[in-house]
Protein backbone atom coordinates (compact mmCIF):
# COMPACT_ATOMS: atom_id res chain seq x y z
CA MET A 1 -65.14 -80.29 -183.10
CA LYS A 2 -65.79 -78.60 -179.69
CA LEU A 3 -61.97 -78.55 -179.03
CA LEU A 4 -61.38 -76.87 -182.38
CA SER A 5 -63.88 -74.13 -181.79
CA SER A 6 -62.34 -73.36 -178.42
CA LEU A 7 -58.93 -73.12 -179.87
CA PRO A 8 -58.97 -69.37 -180.40
CA LEU A 9 -60.04 -68.64 -176.87
CA LEU A 10 -57.18 -71.01 -175.66
CA LEU A 11 -54.57 -69.30 -177.72
CA THR A 12 -55.57 -66.00 -176.45
CA PHE A 13 -55.82 -67.20 -172.70
CA PHE A 14 -52.21 -68.42 -172.84
CA ARG A 15 -50.91 -65.41 -174.88
CA ILE A 16 -49.74 -67.79 -177.83
CA ALA A 17 -50.03 -65.86 -181.26
CA THR A 18 -52.12 -62.87 -180.04
CA PRO A 19 -51.76 -59.74 -181.89
CA THR A 20 -50.00 -56.58 -180.55
CA TYR A 21 -51.12 -53.18 -181.58
CA PHE A 22 -48.32 -50.77 -182.44
CA LYS A 23 -48.98 -46.86 -182.51
CA ALA A 24 -46.39 -43.99 -183.31
CA ASN A 25 -47.19 -40.27 -183.58
CA GLY A 26 -45.21 -37.03 -183.16
CA THR A 27 -44.01 -33.97 -185.02
CA LEU A 28 -41.70 -33.75 -188.19
CA THR A 29 -40.00 -30.47 -188.62
CA CYS A 30 -38.46 -28.95 -191.74
CA ASP A 31 -36.67 -25.69 -191.19
CA LEU A 32 -36.34 -24.75 -194.86
CA GLN A 33 -38.66 -22.36 -196.26
CA GLN A 34 -40.08 -24.63 -198.86
CA ALA A 35 -42.80 -27.02 -199.46
CA TRP A 36 -41.68 -30.70 -198.46
CA CYS A 37 -43.02 -34.42 -198.43
CA TYR A 38 -42.55 -37.20 -196.31
CA TYR A 39 -43.41 -40.87 -195.90
CA ILE A 40 -43.03 -42.53 -192.57
CA GLN A 41 -43.03 -46.36 -192.00
CA MET A 42 -43.02 -48.77 -189.17
CA THR A 43 -41.33 -52.16 -189.85
CA GLU A 44 -40.88 -55.28 -187.75
CA VAL A 45 -37.22 -56.10 -188.63
CA ASP A 46 -36.12 -59.79 -189.05
CA ASN A 47 -32.75 -61.16 -188.90
CA PHE A 48 -32.62 -61.73 -192.85
CA ARG A 49 -34.37 -58.53 -193.96
CA VAL A 50 -35.91 -60.05 -196.82
CA THR A 51 -38.83 -61.00 -194.55
CA ASP A 52 -39.46 -57.79 -192.64
CA ASP A 53 -42.99 -57.00 -192.01
CA LYS A 54 -44.37 -53.53 -192.74
CA VAL A 55 -46.58 -52.82 -189.63
CA ALA A 56 -47.87 -49.36 -190.56
CA PHE A 57 -47.20 -46.61 -193.02
CA SER A 58 -48.42 -43.05 -193.87
CA GLY A 59 -48.35 -42.98 -197.61
CA VAL A 60 -46.66 -39.87 -199.11
CA HIS A 61 -47.78 -36.46 -197.53
CA CYS A 62 -46.79 -32.90 -198.68
CA VAL A 63 -46.88 -30.07 -196.55
CA HIS A 64 -46.37 -26.19 -196.87
CA GLY A 65 -45.34 -25.38 -193.40
CA ARG A 66 -42.56 -25.90 -190.94
CA ASP A 67 -44.20 -28.78 -188.76
CA ALA A 68 -46.36 -31.82 -189.79
CA ASN A 69 -47.87 -34.08 -187.27
CA TYR A 70 -48.22 -37.86 -188.01
CA GLU A 71 -49.78 -40.86 -186.64
CA ILE A 72 -49.64 -44.40 -187.91
CA ALA A 73 -50.72 -47.55 -186.36
CA GLY A 74 -51.19 -51.36 -187.16
CA TRP A 75 -50.91 -54.82 -185.88
CA GLN A 76 -48.27 -57.42 -185.75
CA LEU A 77 -49.24 -61.16 -185.07
CA VAL A 78 -45.88 -63.11 -184.71
CA ASP A 79 -42.24 -62.86 -184.93
CA GLY A 80 -39.68 -65.51 -186.10
CA PHE A 81 -39.66 -68.92 -184.84
CA ARG A 82 -38.66 -69.00 -181.09
CA ASN A 83 -38.28 -65.36 -181.16
CA TYR A 84 -40.20 -63.46 -178.27
CA TYR A 85 -39.47 -60.13 -179.19
CA PHE A 86 -40.51 -57.76 -182.04
CA GLU A 87 -37.75 -55.56 -183.45
CA ILE A 88 -39.39 -52.34 -184.35
CA GLU A 89 -37.86 -49.57 -186.62
CA LEU A 90 -39.42 -46.28 -187.47
CA SER A 91 -38.22 -44.43 -190.40
CA VAL A 92 -38.96 -41.29 -192.37
CA THR A 93 -38.20 -40.55 -196.00
CA HIS A 94 -38.43 -36.92 -196.82
CA ASN A 95 -37.13 -34.22 -199.45
CA CYS A 96 -36.44 -31.41 -196.65
CA SER A 97 -32.92 -30.82 -198.34
CA CYS A 98 -31.42 -28.64 -200.91
CA PRO A 99 -31.52 -29.44 -203.59
CA ARG A 100 -34.67 -31.52 -203.22
CA ASN A 101 -33.01 -35.02 -202.78
CA LYS A 102 -34.90 -37.66 -200.94
CA ARG A 103 -33.21 -38.67 -197.61
CA LYS A 104 -34.06 -41.35 -195.05
CA VAL A 105 -33.89 -40.85 -191.39
CA THR A 106 -34.18 -43.93 -189.11
CA ARG A 107 -34.92 -44.31 -185.36
CA GLU A 108 -32.93 -46.91 -183.38
CA VAL A 109 -34.59 -50.22 -183.30
CA ALA A 110 -36.75 -51.00 -180.33
CA SER A 111 -37.38 -54.35 -178.83
CA GLU A 112 -40.74 -55.38 -177.54
CA SER A 113 -42.18 -58.52 -176.08
CA VAL A 114 -44.50 -60.46 -178.22
CA TYR A 115 -46.57 -60.81 -175.21
CA LYS A 116 -47.41 -56.98 -174.92
CA TRP A 117 -50.89 -56.00 -176.09
CA ARG A 118 -49.96 -52.40 -176.96
CA VAL A 119 -46.89 -50.46 -177.71
CA ASP A 120 -46.91 -46.65 -178.11
CA TYR A 121 -44.01 -44.54 -179.52
CA ASN A 122 -43.60 -40.80 -179.71
CA TRP A 123 -40.96 -39.81 -182.26
CA ASN A 124 -40.29 -36.15 -182.99
CA ALA A 125 -37.55 -35.28 -185.63
CA ASN A 126 -36.15 -32.27 -187.15
CA LEU A 127 -35.45 -33.65 -190.65
CA THR A 128 -33.60 -30.65 -192.25
CA GLN A 129 -30.76 -31.82 -194.27
CA SER A 130 -30.79 -35.05 -192.17
CA GLY A 131 -30.56 -38.82 -193.31
CA ASP A 132 -28.94 -40.89 -195.89
CA PHE A 133 -29.64 -40.29 -199.53
CA VAL A 134 -32.17 -42.57 -201.34
CA ASP A 135 -33.86 -42.99 -204.59
CA ASP A 136 -37.54 -43.57 -203.73
CA TYR A 137 -39.75 -42.77 -200.72
CA TRP A 138 -40.38 -46.53 -199.93
């Protein structure tokens, strides 16, 4: 029983299955003179895509100005079996386009060691007429 109560401490000491804190912030820009909405998401991408983990997301935010500051953060515990890197993707879905279609812009996937305690990203993006057309925000 004493060994079981010490197990979390041992796992942390040897960096086995300890969580990593991910944070992303920046400014999104829409140069069109209109109100616009966005949804930003951070995903840990897996080989088979059906097992992707949503690390953090913003919910849908609507703004009336040109710029919108965002910040999202979340924890990720483990990756796939014998995979020692998180593959982190940031994407933003928005309607800064004419007509007001939804589009999705994705930042290049970044690989981060599962042994890092914290990872910070700063991503600024001009969304005006950018991205692939999509049906929904998420």
